[in-house]
Amino acid sequence: MDANPEKQSASAVLMIRPANFGANPETAASNSFQKESASSAEIQARALAEFDALTQALQAAGVMVEVFEDRGEPVTPDAVFPNNWVSFHADGSAWLYPMLALNRRWERRPDILEALKAERGYSLGDVHDLSFSELDGRYLEGTGSLVLDRANRIAYAGLSPRTDARLLQDWATRAGYEVVRFHARDTKGRPIYHTNVMLCVGTRFALGCFDCIADKAERDRVTQRLLDTGHEVIGISPYQMESFAGNILELEGRYGETVIAMSARAERALTPTQRMVLEKHGRIVASPIETIEDHAGGSVRCMLAEIHLPRYK
């Protein structure tokens, strides 16, 4: 990958409109945020309404949203979270990632990559496929596992069953990133399944549940690296993290304005001071997605795969 820095904020995102949304029994063991197990036509309908409302809110804020329809078969209940299987970069490359749950591996869609290139005006070059690591039982679930400081080429990663330490280092070496890795646990002592539910890195701010990093040396390293790279560090509590206040994403509107996307639940969990600090860095765009959060255990950031690819002139 080209060593030149990227902008932190993408002006376009990939979203997958779900066809068979519901709780995924294959992910429940490692995702403590996934609280409900029932699936039904009513839940699917509510999830679609939430998806469409979020899409419209982002578009109204000036973000380009590339929506693709989920396939009916094979059934992929977590297809609404594309950031786990793909990441796009400013040098024109894409990475495909290995995922722990068998039924999530069907989410990887070469046809979407081809459509972005052939139909939607993006310049896509090398595609690096790490999915073979599934054969060895090693996983790295995209920008769920990796919270990227693209401008400074630093990858923050909490190790978990879905984030393998050796594969993380292999990716970083090939991609030209420094790794800041750590161990984070929830209030019940379980590894936090994805880094992006506890940490967001923007251009000039970083928001995270640093209390979840029990080891002081690891915690200090994370916060110091963020400070060293010029970020205003905002701490959130484990309760706020469980309300998805860490699962947020900085984006860019059509005129260069900064948008901070989050769920309505996450916004409600913020204190007035935290909100005031965030609003120094961008406009908050919040949308209610409680059905998606409760049944699938992920929030707004998980639903957005940033597209940093160049566009054809």
Protein backbone atom coordinates (compact mmCIF):
# COMPACT_ATOMS: atom_id res chain seq x y z
CA MET A 1 0.00 0.00 0.00
CA ASP A 2 1.17 3.52 -0.76
CA ALA A 3 2.78 5.06 2.32
CA ASN A 4 1.26 8.48 1.60
CA PRO A 5 -1.30 9.45 4.24
CA GLU A 6 -5.03 9.36 3.62
CA LYS A 7 -7.62 11.80 4.84
CA GLN A 8 -9.25 10.49 7.98
CA SER A 9 -12.82 11.17 6.86
CA ALA A 10 -14.44 9.49 3.88
CA SER A 11 -17.03 11.39 1.87
CA ALA A 12 -18.73 8.16 0.74
CA VAL A 13 -19.84 4.98 2.49
CA LEU A 14 -21.02 1.54 1.46
CA MET A 15 -24.24 0.31 3.07
CA ILE A 16 -26.06 -3.01 2.58
CA ARG A 17 -29.85 -2.96 2.83
CA PRO A 18 -30.69 -6.20 4.66
CA ALA A 19 -32.89 -8.93 3.20
CA ASN A 20 -32.93 -11.33 6.16
CA PHE A 21 -32.11 -9.23 9.20
CA GLY A 22 -32.23 -10.90 12.58
CA ALA A 23 -30.18 -12.06 15.53
CA ASN A 24 -27.35 -14.31 14.40
CA PRO A 25 -26.92 -17.34 16.69
CA GLU A 26 -23.43 -17.91 15.29
CA THR A 27 -22.17 -14.57 16.65
CA ALA A 28 -23.94 -14.47 20.02
CA ALA A 29 -21.17 -16.23 21.97
CA SER A 30 -18.58 -13.54 21.23
CA ASN A 31 -20.88 -10.47 21.05
CA SER A 32 -22.13 -9.41 24.46
CA PHE A 33 -23.95 -6.42 22.89
CA GLN A 34 -26.36 -8.81 21.13
CA LYS A 35 -29.26 -8.99 23.57
CA GLU A 36 -32.29 -10.40 21.77
CA SER A 37 -32.67 -13.63 19.83
CA ALA A 38 -36.08 -13.62 18.18
CA SER A 39 -36.35 -13.04 14.42
CA SER A 40 -39.51 -12.27 12.50
CA ALA A 41 -41.01 -10.42 9.57
CA GLU A 42 -41.84 -7.57 11.96
CA ILE A 43 -38.21 -7.26 13.04
CA GLN A 44 -37.09 -7.30 9.42
CA ALA A 45 -39.55 -4.53 8.59
CA ARG A 46 -38.40 -2.40 11.54
CA ALA A 47 -34.76 -2.92 10.60
CA LEU A 48 -35.44 -1.81 7.02
CA ALA A 49 -37.20 1.33 8.24
CA GLU A 50 -34.25 2.14 10.50
CA PHE A 51 -31.78 1.47 7.69
CA ASP A 52 -33.64 3.74 5.30
CA ALA A 53 -33.92 6.54 7.86
CA LEU A 54 -30.18 6.41 8.58
CA THR A 55 -29.42 6.44 4.87
CA GLN A 56 -31.59 9.51 4.38
CA ALA A 57 -30.05 11.30 7.38
CA LEU A 58 -26.54 10.77 6.03
CA GLN A 59 -27.52 11.88 2.54
CA ALA A 60 -29.19 14.99 3.95
CA ALA A 61 -25.89 15.76 5.72
CA GLY A 62 -24.05 15.60 2.40
CA VAL A 63 -22.49 12.15 2.67
CA MET A 64 -22.51 10.01 -0.48
CA VAL A 65 -24.21 6.71 0.38
CA GLU A 66 -23.69 3.75 -1.95
CA VAL A 67 -26.55 1.37 -1.13
CA PHE A 68 -26.57 -2.23 -2.33
CA GLU A 69 -29.34 -4.72 -1.72
CA ASP A 70 -28.57 -7.81 0.31
CA ARG A 71 -29.11 -11.12 -1.47
CA GLY A 72 -31.98 -13.30 -0.31
CA GLU A 73 -29.79 -16.40 -0.53
CA PRO A 74 -27.63 -17.43 1.16
CA VAL A 75 -29.17 -16.03 4.34
CA THR A 76 -26.84 -13.49 5.97
CA PRO A 77 -28.51 -11.95 9.04
CA ASP A 78 -25.57 -9.58 9.66
CA ALA A 79 -25.21 -8.30 6.10
CA VAL A 80 -26.11 -4.82 7.36
CA PHE A 81 -22.54 -4.60 8.78
CA PRO A 82 -20.26 -4.51 5.68
CA ASN A 83 -17.32 -2.88 7.44
CA ASN A 84 -16.34 -6.29 8.80
CA TRP A 85 -15.62 -7.85 5.42
CA VAL A 86 -14.13 -5.00 3.39
CA SER A 87 -12.11 -1.82 3.70
CA PHE A 88 -11.30 0.67 0.92
CA HIS A 89 -8.22 2.88 0.71
CA ALA A 90 -7.07 6.01 -1.08
CA ASP A 91 -4.43 4.18 -3.13
CA GLY A 92 -7.26 2.36 -4.90
CA SER A 93 -6.91 -0.88 -2.93
CA ALA A 94 -9.44 -2.94 -1.04
CA TRP A 95 -8.95 -5.58 1.63
CA LEU A 96 -11.21 -8.57 2.24
CA TYR A 97 -11.18 -9.95 5.75
CA PRO A 98 -11.60 -13.35 7.48
CA MET A 99 -14.60 -13.63 9.79
CA LEU A 100 -15.28 -15.98 12.66
CA ALA A 101 -18.94 -16.91 12.02
CA LEU A 102 -19.46 -19.30 9.13
CA ASN A 103 -22.62 -17.59 7.92
CA ARG A 104 -20.92 -14.18 7.89
CA ARG A 105 -18.39 -15.32 5.30
CA TRP A 106 -21.13 -15.24 2.68
CA GLU A 107 -21.31 -11.47 3.14
CA ARG A 108 -18.15 -10.94 1.06
CA ARG A 109 -19.45 -9.73 -2.29
CA PRO A 110 -17.07 -9.50 -5.29
CA ASP A 111 -20.04 -8.27 -7.33
CA ILE A 112 -20.21 -5.16 -5.14
CA LEU A 113 -16.54 -4.41 -5.74
CA GLU A 114 -17.09 -4.79 -9.47
CA ALA A 115 -20.17 -2.54 -9.41
CA LEU A 116 -18.32 0.20 -7.52
CA LYS A 117 -15.69 0.11 -10.26
CA ALA A 118 -17.81 -0.44 -13.35
CA GLU A 119 -21.02 1.39 -12.51
CA ARG A 120 -20.45 3.90 -9.73
CA GLY A 121 -17.29 5.66 -10.78
CA TYR A 122 -14.67 4.43 -8.31
CA SER A 123 -11.12 3.49 -9.24
CA LEU A 124 -10.43 0.09 -7.70
CA GLY A 125 -7.04 -1.56 -8.14
CA ASP A 126 -5.51 -4.28 -5.99
CA VAL A 127 -7.81 -6.43 -3.86
CA HIS A 128 -5.97 -8.09 -0.97
CA ASP A 129 -7.85 -11.17 0.21
CA LEU A 130 -7.07 -12.41 3.73
CA SER A 131 -10.03 -14.77 3.93
CA PHE A 132 -7.79 -17.85 3.56
CA SER A 133 -6.84 -17.32 7.23
CA GLU A 134 -10.26 -18.70 8.17
CA LEU A 135 -8.81 -22.13 7.36
CA ASP A 136 -6.31 -21.65 10.18
CA GLY A 137 -8.91 -20.33 12.64
CA ARG A 138 -7.47 -16.80 12.54
CA TYR A 139 -9.75 -13.81 12.10
CA LEU A 140 -9.49 -10.07 11.55
CA GLU A 141 -12.90 -8.51 11.05
CA GLY A 142 -12.12 -5.40 9.06
CA THR A 143 -12.68 -2.01 10.59
CA GLY A 144 -14.53 -3.70 13.40
CA SER A 145 -11.21 -5.16 14.56
CA LEU A 146 -9.15 -2.23 13.26
CA VAL A 147 -9.82 1.35 14.28
CA LEU A 148 -7.67 3.20 11.78
CA ASP A 149 -5.97 6.52 12.18
CA ARG A 150 -5.53 6.75 8.43
CA ALA A 151 -3.76 10.10 8.45
CA ASN A 152 -1.03 8.83 10.79
CA ARG A 153 -1.16 5.19 9.61
CA ILE A 154 -1.85 3.75 13.05
CA ALA A 155 -4.19 0.82 13.66
CA TYR A 156 -5.69 0.52 17.15
CA ALA A 157 -6.88 -3.01 17.89
CA GLY A 158 -8.31 -4.76 20.92
CA LEU A 159 -7.48 -8.47 20.80
CA SER A 160 -10.47 -10.82 20.93
CA PRO A 161 -11.68 -14.06 19.33
CA ARG A 162 -12.35 -11.96 16.22
CA THR A 163 -9.00 -10.13 16.19
CA ASP A 164 -5.96 -12.40 15.95
CA ALA A 165 -2.65 -10.88 17.08
CA ARG A 166 -0.46 -12.54 14.43
CA LEU A 167 -2.82 -11.79 11.58
CA LEU A 168 -3.13 -8.20 12.83
CA GLN A 169 0.63 -7.78 12.60
CA ASP A 170 0.77 -9.45 9.17
CA TRP A 171 -1.88 -7.03 7.88
CA ALA A 172 -0.10 -4.01 9.38
CA THR A 173 3.24 -4.96 7.83
CA ARG A 174 1.70 -5.33 4.39
CA ALA A 175 -0.46 -2.21 4.71
CA GLY A 176 2.26 -0.04 6.20
CA TYR A 177 0.60 0.66 9.53
CA GLU A 178 1.88 0.90 13.08
CA VAL A 179 -0.12 -1.28 15.48
CA VAL A 180 -1.28 -0.21 18.93
CA ARG A 181 -2.83 -3.34 20.38
CA PHE A 182 -4.40 -3.93 23.77
CA HIS A 183 -6.85 -6.07 25.73
CA ALA A 184 -10.27 -4.63 26.57
CA ARG A 185 -13.07 -6.21 28.57
CA ASP A 186 -16.67 -5.35 29.31
CA THR A 187 -18.25 -5.00 32.74
CA LYS A 188 -18.61 -8.80 33.02
CA GLY A 189 -14.97 -9.43 32.18
CA ARG A 190 -15.54 -10.65 28.62
CA PRO A 191 -13.28 -9.51 25.76
CA ILE A 192 -14.90 -6.70 23.80
CA TYR A 193 -15.64 -8.33 20.47
CA HIS A 194 -14.77 -5.39 18.18
CA THR A 195 -12.51 -2.42 18.80
CA ASN A 196 -14.94 -0.08 17.06
CA VAL A 197 -17.60 -0.44 19.75
CA MET A 198 -15.26 1.11 22.31
CA LEU A 199 -13.09 3.51 20.26
CA CYS A 200 -13.52 6.09 17.50
CA VAL A 201 -10.62 8.05 16.01
CA GLY A 202 -11.46 11.20 14.09
CA THR A 203 -9.23 13.82 12.51
CA ARG A 204 -8.78 15.86 15.69
CA PHE A 205 -10.61 13.88 18.37
CA ALA A 206 -10.62 10.37 19.77
CA LEU A 207 -13.49 9.03 21.85
CA GLY A 208 -13.15 5.78 23.76
CA CYS A 209 -13.93 3.66 26.79
CA PHE A 210 -10.38 3.61 28.11
CA ASP A 211 -11.52 2.24 31.48
CA CYS A 212 -12.17 -1.05 29.66
CA ILE A 213 -8.41 -1.46 29.17
CA ALA A 214 -7.45 -2.93 32.54
CA ASP A 215 -3.69 -3.00 32.02
CA LYS A 216 -2.40 0.46 32.88
CA ALA A 217 0.61 0.23 30.57
CA GLU A 218 -1.65 -0.67 27.64
CA ARG A 219 -4.15 2.05 28.55
CA ASP A 220 -1.42 4.66 28.85
CA ARG A 221 0.08 3.64 25.53
CA VAL A 222 -3.24 4.01 23.74
CA THR A 223 -4.07 7.41 25.19
CA GLN A 224 -0.53 8.74 24.81
CA ARG A 225 -0.37 7.72 21.16
CA LEU A 226 -3.66 9.53 20.56
CA LEU A 227 -2.36 12.63 22.30
CA ASP A 228 0.94 12.46 20.42
CA THR A 229 -0.96 12.54 17.13
CA GLY A 230 -2.85 15.68 18.08
CA HIS A 231 -6.20 14.23 19.13
CA GLU A 232 -8.44 15.65 21.82
CA VAL A 233 -9.21 12.57 23.91
CA ILE A 234 -12.77 12.08 25.19
CA GLY A 235 -13.41 9.28 27.66
CA ILE A 236 -16.73 7.47 27.94
CA SER A 237 -17.93 5.07 30.63
CA PRO A 238 -18.65 1.35 30.19
CA TYR A 239 -22.37 2.18 30.46
CA GLN A 240 -22.06 4.68 27.63
CA MET A 241 -20.12 2.14 25.58
CA GLU A 242 -22.92 -0.39 26.10
CA SER A 243 -25.26 2.26 24.67
CA PHE A 244 -23.00 2.35 21.57
CA ALA A 245 -21.56 5.80 22.33
CA GLY A 246 -18.18 4.49 21.12
CA ASN A 247 -19.56 3.12 17.86
CA ILE A 248 -19.50 6.39 15.97
CA LEU A 249 -17.76 7.56 12.79
CA GLU A 250 -16.41 10.81 11.43
CA LEU A 251 -17.34 11.46 7.78
CA GLU A 252 -17.17 14.34 5.33
CA GLY A 253 -20.07 16.12 3.67
CA ARG A 254 -20.16 17.28 0.07
CA TYR A 255 -18.73 20.71 0.89
CA GLY A 256 -16.00 19.44 3.19
CA GLU A 257 -17.96 19.81 6.41
CA THR A 258 -17.35 17.23 9.15
CA VAL A 259 -20.19 14.87 10.08
CA ILE A 260 -20.11 12.64 13.17
CA ALA A 261 -22.54 9.76 12.62
CA MET A 262 -24.05 7.85 15.54
CA SER A 263 -27.27 6.29 16.71
CA ALA A 264 -29.94 8.12 18.66
CA ARG A 265 -29.25 5.81 21.61
CA ALA A 266 -25.55 6.73 21.51
CA GLU A 267 -26.38 10.44 21.36
CA ARG A 268 -28.70 10.15 24.37
CA ALA A 269 -25.92 8.46 26.36
CA LEU A 270 -23.51 11.38 25.94
CA THR A 271 -23.21 13.95 28.69
CA PRO A 272 -23.73 17.62 27.75
CA THR A 273 -19.97 18.21 28.13
CA GLN A 274 -19.07 15.28 25.88
CA ARG A 275 -21.54 16.46 23.29
CA MET A 276 -20.16 19.99 23.45
CA VAL A 277 -16.61 18.72 22.89
CA LEU A 278 -17.68 16.54 19.97
CA GLU A 279 -19.58 19.39 18.36
CA LYS A 280 -16.35 21.40 18.25
CA HIS A 281 -15.15 18.80 15.77
CA GLY A 282 -18.22 18.30 13.60
CA ARG A 283 -21.97 18.14 13.25
CA ILE A 284 -23.61 15.21 15.02
CA VAL A 285 -26.02 13.24 12.82
CA ALA A 286 -27.98 10.73 14.88
CA SER A 287 -30.64 8.27 13.79
CA PRO A 288 -32.67 5.73 15.83
CA ILE A 289 -31.67 2.12 15.09
CA GLU A 290 -32.70 0.32 18.28
CA THR A 291 -33.93 -2.80 16.46
CA ILE A 292 -30.59 -3.24 14.70
CA GLU A 293 -28.65 -2.53 17.89
CA ASP A 294 -30.65 -4.90 20.09
CA HIS A 295 -30.89 -7.85 17.74
CA ALA A 296 -27.52 -7.70 16.02
CA GLY A 297 -25.31 -6.08 18.65
CA GLY A 298 -23.86 -3.38 16.40
CA SER A 299 -24.62 0.26 15.71
CA VAL A 300 -24.12 3.02 13.15
CA ARG A 301 -20.38 2.74 12.70
CA CYS A 302 -20.70 -1.01 12.04
CA MET A 303 -23.18 -0.26 9.23
CA LEU A 304 -20.76 1.99 7.33
CA ALA A 305 -17.80 0.85 5.24
CA GLU A 306 -15.95 4.03 4.30
CA ILE A 307 -15.06 4.38 0.61
CA HIS A 308 -11.71 6.14 0.31
CA LEU A 309 -11.20 5.02 -3.29
CA PRO A 310 -10.34 7.63 -5.91
CA ARG A 311 -13.12 8.56 -8.32
CA TYR A 312 -12.89 8.79 -12.07
CA LYS A 313 -12.65 12.35 -13.32
